[in-house]
C-alpha cells in the first residue's frame, strides 16, 4: 500500500485513490486479529503447541465419529 501511494507521488495531505483507501480500511479492520496471535514461550516449540492443539481437538471428538471415519 505504501509503495503504491509512493509510486503515485501522492502528497501527505492528498486524498488517496478509492482503491488504495479501500485496501487500507480493509487492512486496518484486520489489525484487531493480532490480539488472537499466541506466541509460545521460549521453552516450548511451536510444534509442541500444535500437537497439543490437535490432541485436544481429537480428545473432544465424539467416539462415534471415529467409527464413521470423520
PDB file of N, CA and C in Angstrom:
ATOM      1  N   UNK A   1       0.826  -1.191   0.000  1.00  0.00           N
ATOM      2  CA  UNK A   1       0.000   0.000   0.000  1.00  0.00           C
ATOM      3  C   UNK A   1       0.871   1.257   0.000  1.00  0.00           C
ATOM      4  N   UNK A   2       1.858   1.261   0.882  1.00  0.00           N
ATOM      5  CA  UNK A   2       2.719   2.436   0.969  1.00  0.00           C
ATOM      6  C   UNK A   2       3.461   2.652  -0.344  1.00  0.00           C
ATOM      7  N   UNK A   3       3.948   1.563  -0.918  1.00  0.00           N
ATOM      8  CA  UNK A   3       4.657   1.664  -2.188  1.00  0.00           C
ATOM      9  C   UNK A   3       3.731   2.184  -3.283  1.00  0.00           C
ATOM     10  N   UNK A   4       2.474   1.729  -3.266  1.00  0.00           N
ATOM     11  CA  UNK A   4       1.516   2.189  -4.265  1.00  0.00           C
ATOM     12  C   UNK A   4       1.279   3.691  -4.189  1.00  0.00           C
ATOM     13  N   UNK A   5       1.173   4.222  -2.987  1.00  0.00           N
ATOM     14  CA  UNK A   5       0.978   5.667  -2.848  1.00  0.00           C
ATOM     15  C   UNK A   5       2.246   6.414  -3.230  1.00  0.00           C
ATOM     16  N   UNK A   6       3.401   5.833  -2.943  1.00  0.00           N
ATOM     17  CA  UNK A   6       4.664   6.461  -3.300  1.00  0.00           C
ATOM     18  C   UNK A   6       4.802   6.533  -4.823  1.00  0.00           C
ATOM     19  N   UNK A   7       4.436   5.419  -5.494  1.00  0.00           N
ATOM     20  CA  UNK A   7       4.524   5.393  -6.953  1.00  0.00           C
ATOM     21  C   UNK A   7       3.583   6.404  -7.604  1.00  0.00           C
ATOM     22  N   UNK A   8       2.467   6.705  -6.948  1.00  0.00           N
ATOM     23  CA  UNK A   8       1.534   7.711  -7.467  1.00  0.00           C
ATOM     24  C   UNK A   8       1.994   9.128  -7.172  1.00  0.00           C
ATOM     25  N   UNK A   9       3.050   9.235  -6.358  1.00  0.00           N
ATOM     26  CA  UNK A   9       3.592  10.536  -5.942  1.00  0.00           C
ATOM     27  C   UNK A   9       2.532  11.379  -5.231  1.00  0.00           C
ATOM     28  N   UNK A  10       1.740  10.697  -4.394  1.00  0.00           N
ATOM     29  CA  UNK A  10       0.719  11.392  -3.610  1.00  0.00           C
ATOM     30  C   UNK A  10       1.389  12.238  -2.530  1.00  0.00           C
ATOM     31  N   UNK A  11       0.878  13.403  -2.310  1.00  0.00           N
ATOM     32  CA  UNK A  11       1.359  14.223  -1.199  1.00  0.00           C
ATOM     33  C   UNK A  11       0.805  13.689   0.123  1.00  0.00           C
ATOM     34  N   UNK A  12       1.411  14.076   1.232  1.00  0.00           N
ATOM     35  CA  UNK A  12       0.995  13.573   2.543  1.00  0.00           C
ATOM     36  C   UNK A  12      -0.442  13.949   2.878  1.00  0.00           C
ATOM     37  N   UNK A  13      -0.887  15.085   2.381  1.00  0.00           N
ATOM     38  CA  UNK A  13      -2.241  15.519   2.711  1.00  0.00           C
ATOM     39  C   UNK A  13      -3.218  15.321   1.550  1.00  0.00           C
ATOM     40  N   UNK A  14      -2.786  14.626   0.502  1.00  0.00           N
ATOM     41  CA  UNK A  14      -3.646  14.393  -0.653  1.00  0.00           C
ATOM     42  C   UNK A  14      -4.622  13.251  -0.353  1.00  0.00           C
ATOM     43  N   UNK A  15      -5.805  13.343  -0.934  1.00  0.00           N
ATOM     44  CA  UNK A  15      -6.782  12.261  -0.791  1.00  0.00           C
ATOM     45  C   UNK A  15      -6.326  11.068  -1.614  1.00  0.00           C
ATOM     46  N   UNK A  16      -6.415   9.890  -1.022  1.00  0.00           N
ATOM     47  CA  UNK A  16      -5.971   8.680  -1.701  1.00  0.00           C
ATOM     48  C   UNK A  16      -7.002   8.205  -2.716  1.00  0.00           C
ATOM     49  N   UNK A  17      -6.540   7.565  -3.791  1.00  0.00           N
ATOM     50  CA  UNK A  17      -7.493   6.949  -4.718  1.00  0.00           C
ATOM     51  C   UNK A  17      -8.340   5.914  -3.966  1.00  0.00           C
ATOM     52  N   UNK A  18      -9.561   5.712  -4.388  1.00  0.00           N
ATOM     53  CA  UNK A  18     -10.502   4.840  -3.672  1.00  0.00           C
ATOM     54  C   UNK A  18      -9.965   3.419  -3.497  1.00  0.00           C
ATOM     55  N   UNK A  19      -9.299   2.869  -4.492  1.00  0.00           N
ATOM     56  CA  UNK A  19      -8.783   1.502  -4.385  1.00  0.00           C
ATOM     57  C   UNK A  19      -7.767   1.381  -3.246  1.00  0.00           C
ATOM     58  N   UNK A  20      -6.859   2.325  -3.156  1.00  0.00           N
ATOM     59  CA  UNK A  20      -5.859   2.290  -2.087  1.00  0.00           C
ATOM     60  C   UNK A  20      -6.518   2.558  -0.742  1.00  0.00           C
ATOM     61  N   UNK A  21      -7.450   3.502  -0.698  1.00  0.00           N
ATOM     62  CA  UNK A  21      -8.146   3.806   0.555  1.00  0.00           C
ATOM     63  C   UNK A  21      -8.949   2.602   1.027  1.00  0.00           C
ATOM     64  N   UNK A  22      -9.592   1.903   0.107  1.00  0.00           N
ATOM     65  CA  UNK A  22     -10.371   0.720   0.457  1.00  0.00           C
ATOM     66  C   UNK A  22      -9.462  -0.382   0.998  1.00  0.00           C
ATOM     67  N   UNK A  23      -8.325  -0.613   0.333  1.00  0.00           N
ATOM     68  CA  UNK A  23      -7.374  -1.611   0.813  1.00  0.00           C
ATOM     69  C   UNK A  23      -6.852  -1.255   2.201  1.00  0.00           C
ATOM     70  N   UNK A  24      -6.615   0.025   2.435  1.00  0.00           N
ATOM     71  CA  UNK A  24      -6.131   0.460   3.747  1.00  0.00           C
ATOM     72  C   UNK A  24      -7.187   0.219   4.826  1.00  0.00           C
ATOM     73  N   UNK A  25      -8.443   0.538   4.528  1.00  0.00           N
ATOM     74  CA  UNK A  25      -9.516   0.293   5.501  1.00  0.00           C
ATOM     75  C   UNK A  25      -9.647  -1.188   5.812  1.00  0.00           C
ATOM     76  N   UNK A  26      -9.537  -2.029   4.778  1.00  0.00           N
ATOM     77  CA  UNK A  26      -9.606  -3.473   4.985  1.00  0.00           C
ATOM     78  C   UNK A  26      -8.436  -3.931   5.869  1.00  0.00           C
ATOM     79  N   UNK A  27      -7.249  -3.434   5.580  1.00  0.00           N
ATOM     80  CA  UNK A  27      -6.050  -3.796   6.359  1.00  0.00           C
ATOM     81  C   UNK A  27      -6.218  -3.394   7.817  1.00  0.00           C
ATOM     82  N   UNK A  28      -6.680  -2.172   8.069  1.00  0.00           N
ATOM     83  CA  UNK A  28      -6.836  -1.723   9.451  1.00  0.00           C
ATOM     84  C   UNK A  28      -7.934  -2.501  10.177  1.00  0.00           C
ATOM     85  N   UNK A  29      -8.954  -2.962   9.445  1.00  0.00           N
ATOM     86  CA  UNK A  29     -10.019  -3.728  10.100  1.00  0.00           C
ATOM     87  C   UNK A  29      -9.512  -5.088  10.577  1.00  0.00           C
ATOM     88  N   UNK A  30      -8.453  -5.593   9.964  1.00  0.00           N
ATOM     89  CA  UNK A  30      -7.893  -6.880  10.363  1.00  0.00           C
ATOM     90  C   UNK A  30      -6.865  -6.765  11.482  1.00  0.00           C
ATOM     91  N   UNK A  31      -6.445  -5.561  11.822  1.00  0.00           N
ATOM     92  CA  UNK A  31      -5.429  -5.390  12.865  1.00  0.00           C
ATOM     93  C   UNK A  31      -5.884  -5.944  14.211  1.00  0.00           C
ATOM     94  N   UNK A  32      -7.172  -5.887  14.497  1.00  0.00           N
ATOM     95  CA  UNK A  32      -7.666  -6.395  15.777  1.00  0.00           C
ATOM     96  C   UNK A  32      -7.418  -7.887  15.924  1.00  0.00           C
ATOM     97  N   UNK A  33      -7.267  -8.594  14.795  1.00  0.00           N
ATOM     98  CA  UNK A  33      -7.000 -10.034  14.846  1.00  0.00           C
ATOM     99  C   UNK A  33      -5.627 -10.340  15.451  1.00  0.00           C
ATOM    100  N   UNK A  34      -4.743  -9.365  15.473  1.00  0.00           N
ATOM    101  CA  UNK A  34      -3.419  -9.586  16.058  1.00  0.00           C
ATOM    102  C   UNK A  34      -3.499  -9.938  17.542  1.00  0.00           C
ATOM    103  N   UNK A  35      -4.564  -9.543  18.204  1.00  0.00           N
ATOM    104  CA  UNK A  35      -4.698  -9.879  19.624  1.00  0.00           C
ATOM    105  C   UNK A  35      -4.899 -11.369  19.831  1.00  0.00           C
ATOM    106  N   UNK A  36      -5.291 -12.088  18.771  1.00  0.00           N
ATOM    107  CA  UNK A  36      -5.511 -13.524  18.864  1.00  0.00           C
ATOM    108  C   UNK A  36      -4.242 -14.341  18.623  1.00  0.00           C
ATOM    109  N   UNK A  37      -3.178 -13.685  18.184  1.00  0.00           N
ATOM    110  CA  UNK A  37      -1.927 -14.389  17.919  1.00  0.00           C
ATOM    111  C   UNK A  37      -1.287 -14.764  19.245  1.00  0.00           C
ATOM    112  N   UNK A  38      -0.947 -16.024  19.361  1.00  0.00           N
ATOM    113  CA  UNK A  38      -0.278 -16.522  20.560  1.00  0.00           C
ATOM    114  C   UNK A  38       1.118 -16.980  20.176  1.00  0.00           C
ATOM    115  N   UNK A  39       2.105 -16.460  20.856  1.00  0.00           N
ATOM    116  CA  UNK A  39       3.487 -16.835  20.605  1.00  0.00           C
ATOM    117  C   UNK A  39       3.944 -17.715  21.757  1.00  0.00           C
ATOM    118  N   UNK A  40       4.417 -18.928  21.441  1.00  0.00           N
ATOM    119  CA  UNK A  40       4.845 -19.831  22.511  1.00  0.00           C
ATOM    120  C   UNK A  40       6.002 -19.226  23.305  1.00  0.00           C
ATOM    121  N   UNK A  41       6.060 -19.580  24.575  1.00  0.00           N
ATOM    122  CA  UNK A  41       7.159 -19.119  25.405  1.00  0.00           C
ATOM    123  C   UNK A  41       8.460 -19.732  24.913  1.00  0.00           C
ATOM    124  N   UNK A  42       9.571 -19.187  25.334  1.00  0.00           N
ATOM    125  CA  UNK A  42      10.872 -19.621  24.856  1.00  0.00           C
ATOM    126  C   UNK A  42      11.177 -21.086  25.112  1.00  0.00           C
ATOM    127  N   UNK A  43      10.581 -21.685  26.134  1.00  0.00           N
ATOM    128  CA  UNK A  43      10.900 -23.061  26.472  1.00  0.00           C
ATOM    129  C   UNK A  43      10.142 -24.100  25.673  1.00  0.00           C
ATOM    130  N   UNK A  44       9.120 -23.694  24.947  1.00  0.00           N
ATOM    131  CA  UNK A  44       8.306 -24.665  24.213  1.00  0.00           C
ATOM    132  C   UNK A  44       8.275 -24.304  22.734  1.00  0.00           C
ATOM    133  N   UNK A  45       8.296 -25.304  21.911  1.00  0.00           N
ATOM    134  CA  UNK A  45       8.308 -25.075  20.465  1.00  0.00           C
ATOM    135  C   UNK A  45       6.893 -24.919  19.925  1.00  0.00           C
ATOM    136  N   UNK A  46       6.802 -24.307  18.771  1.00  0.00           N
ATOM    137  CA  UNK A  46       5.510 -24.144  18.101  1.00  0.00           C
ATOM    138  C   UNK A  46       4.935 -25.508  17.730  1.00  0.00           C
ATOM    139  N   UNK A  47       5.818 -26.461  17.366  1.00  0.00           N
ATOM    140  CA  UNK A  47       5.344 -27.797  17.011  1.00  0.00           C
ATOM    141  C   UNK A  47       4.656 -28.461  18.192  1.00  0.00           C
ATOM    142  N   UNK A  48       5.209 -28.277  19.377  1.00  0.00           N
ATOM    143  CA  UNK A  48       4.600 -28.878  20.566  1.00  0.00           C
ATOM    144  C   UNK A  48       3.205 -28.295  20.810  1.00  0.00           C
ATOM    145  N   UNK A  49       3.076 -26.991  20.656  1.00  0.00           N
ATOM    146  CA  UNK A  49       1.765 -26.347  20.828  1.00  0.00           C
ATOM    147  C   UNK A  49       0.773 -26.860  19.797  1.00  0.00           C
ATOM    148  N   UNK A  50       1.237 -27.050  18.559  1.00  0.00           N
ATOM    149  CA  UNK A  50       0.357 -27.558  17.521  1.00  0.00           C
ATOM    150  C   UNK A  50      -0.094 -28.973  17.855  1.00  0.00           C
ATOM    151  N   UNK A  51       0.833 -29.817  18.282  1.00  0.00           N
ATOM    152  CA  UNK A  51       0.480 -31.188  18.641  1.00  0.00           C
ATOM    153  C   UNK A  51      -0.516 -31.215  19.798  1.00  0.00           C
ATOM    154  N   UNK A  52      -0.326 -30.345  20.775  1.00  0.00           N
ATOM    155  CA  UNK A  52      -1.261 -30.290  21.899  1.00  0.00           C
ATOM    156  C   UNK A  52      -2.643 -29.858  21.430  1.00  0.00           C
ATOM    157  N   UNK A  53      -2.697 -28.913  20.508  1.00  0.00           N
ATOM    158  CA  UNK A  53      -3.988 -28.453  19.992  1.00  0.00           C
ATOM    159  C   UNK A  53      -4.687 -29.568  19.232  1.00  0.00           C
ATOM    160  N   UNK A  54      -3.929 -30.305  18.418  1.00  0.00           N
ATOM    161  CA  UNK A  54      -4.509 -31.413  17.659  1.00  0.00           C
ATOM    162  C   UNK A  54      -4.991 -32.500  18.614  1.00  0.00           C
ATOM    163  N   UNK A  55      -4.176 -32.840  19.621  1.00  0.00           N
ATOM    164  CA  UNK A  55      -4.569 -33.858  20.582  1.00  0.00           C
ATOM    165  C   UNK A  55      -5.837 -33.437  21.322  1.00  0.00           C
ATOM    166  N   UNK A  56      -5.914 -32.162  21.676  1.00  0.00           N
ATOM    167  CA  UNK A  56      -7.087 -31.649  22.382  1.00  0.00           C
ATOM    168  C   UNK A  56      -8.322 -31.776  21.492  1.00  0.00           C
ATOM    169  N   UNK A  57      -8.169 -31.418  20.213  1.00  0.00           N
ATOM    170  CA  UNK A  57      -9.299 -31.491  19.279  1.00  0.00           C
ATOM    171  C   UNK A  57      -9.751 -32.937  19.098  1.00  0.00           C
ATOM    172  N   UNK A  58      -8.811 -33.848  18.973  1.00  0.00           N
ATOM    173  CA  UNK A  58      -9.152 -35.261  18.823  1.00  0.00           C
ATOM    174  C   UNK A  58      -9.850 -35.764  20.082  1.00  0.00           C
ATOM    175  N   UNK A  59      -9.368 -35.348  21.245  1.00  0.00           N
ATOM    176  CA  UNK A  59      -9.970 -35.762  22.506  1.00  0.00           C
ATOM    177  C   UNK A  59     -11.423 -35.322  22.597  1.00  0.00           C
ATOM    178  N   UNK A  60     -11.730 -34.151  22.046  1.00  0.00           N
ATOM    179  CA  UNK A  60     -13.091 -33.611  22.130  1.00  0.00           C
ATOM    180  C   UNK A  60     -14.052 -34.243  21.134  1.00  0.00           C
ATOM    181  N   UNK A  61     -13.529 -34.953  20.137  1.00  0.00           N
ATOM    182  CA  UNK A  61     -14.389 -35.579  19.146  1.00  0.00           C
ATOM    183  C   UNK A  61     -15.225 -36.687  19.784  1.00  0.00           C
ATOM    184  N   UNK A  62     -16.416 -36.892  19.271  1.00  0.00           N
ATOM    185  CA  UNK A  62     -17.285 -37.961  19.759  1.00  0.00           C
ATOM    186  C   UNK A  62     -16.749 -39.300  19.268  1.00  0.00           C
ATOM    187  N   UNK A  63     -16.730 -40.311  20.107  1.00  0.00           N
ATOM    188  CA  UNK A  63     -16.217 -41.623  19.697  1.00  0.00           C
ATOM    189  C   UNK A  63     -16.910 -42.178  18.460  1.00  0.00           C
ATOM    190  N   UNK A  64     -18.201 -41.918  18.297  1.00  0.00           N
ATOM    191  CA  UNK A  64     -18.905 -42.465  17.144  1.00  0.00           C
ATOM    192  C   UNK A  64     -18.400 -41.871  15.832  1.00  0.00           C
ATOM    193  N   UNK A  65     -17.817 -40.669  15.869  1.00  0.00           N
ATOM    194  CA  UNK A  65     -17.265 -40.067  14.649  1.00  0.00           C
ATOM    195  C   UNK A  65     -16.063 -40.848  14.141  1.00  0.00           C
ATOM    196  N   UNK A  66     -15.294 -41.443  15.050  1.00  0.00           N
ATOM    197  CA  UNK A  66     -14.137 -42.214  14.631  1.00  0.00           C
ATOM    198  C   UNK A  66     -14.548 -43.471  13.899  1.00  0.00           C
ATOM    199  N   UNK A  67     -15.638 -44.080  14.334  1.00  0.00           N
ATOM    200  CA  UNK A  67     -16.120 -45.298  13.682  1.00  0.00           C
ATOM    201  C   UNK A  67     -16.583 -44.995  12.260  1.00  0.00           C
ATOM    202  N   UNK A  68     -17.082 -43.770  12.028  1.00  0.00           N
ATOM    203  CA  UNK A  68     -17.553 -43.382  10.693  1.00  0.00           C
ATOM    204  C   UNK A  68     -16.427 -42.879   9.813  1.00  0.00           C
ATOM    205  N   UNK A  69     -15.248 -42.650  10.412  1.00  0.00           N
ATOM    206  CA  UNK A  69     -14.129 -42.114   9.649  1.00  0.00           C
ATOM    207  C   UNK A  69     -14.134 -40.605   9.550  1.00  0.00           C
ATOM    208  N   UNK A  70     -14.857 -39.912  10.430  1.00  0.00           N
ATOM    209  CA  UNK A  70     -14.910 -38.444  10.414  1.00  0.00           C
ATOM    210  C   UNK A  70     -13.812 -37.857  11.244  1.00  0.00           C
TER     211      UNK A  70
END
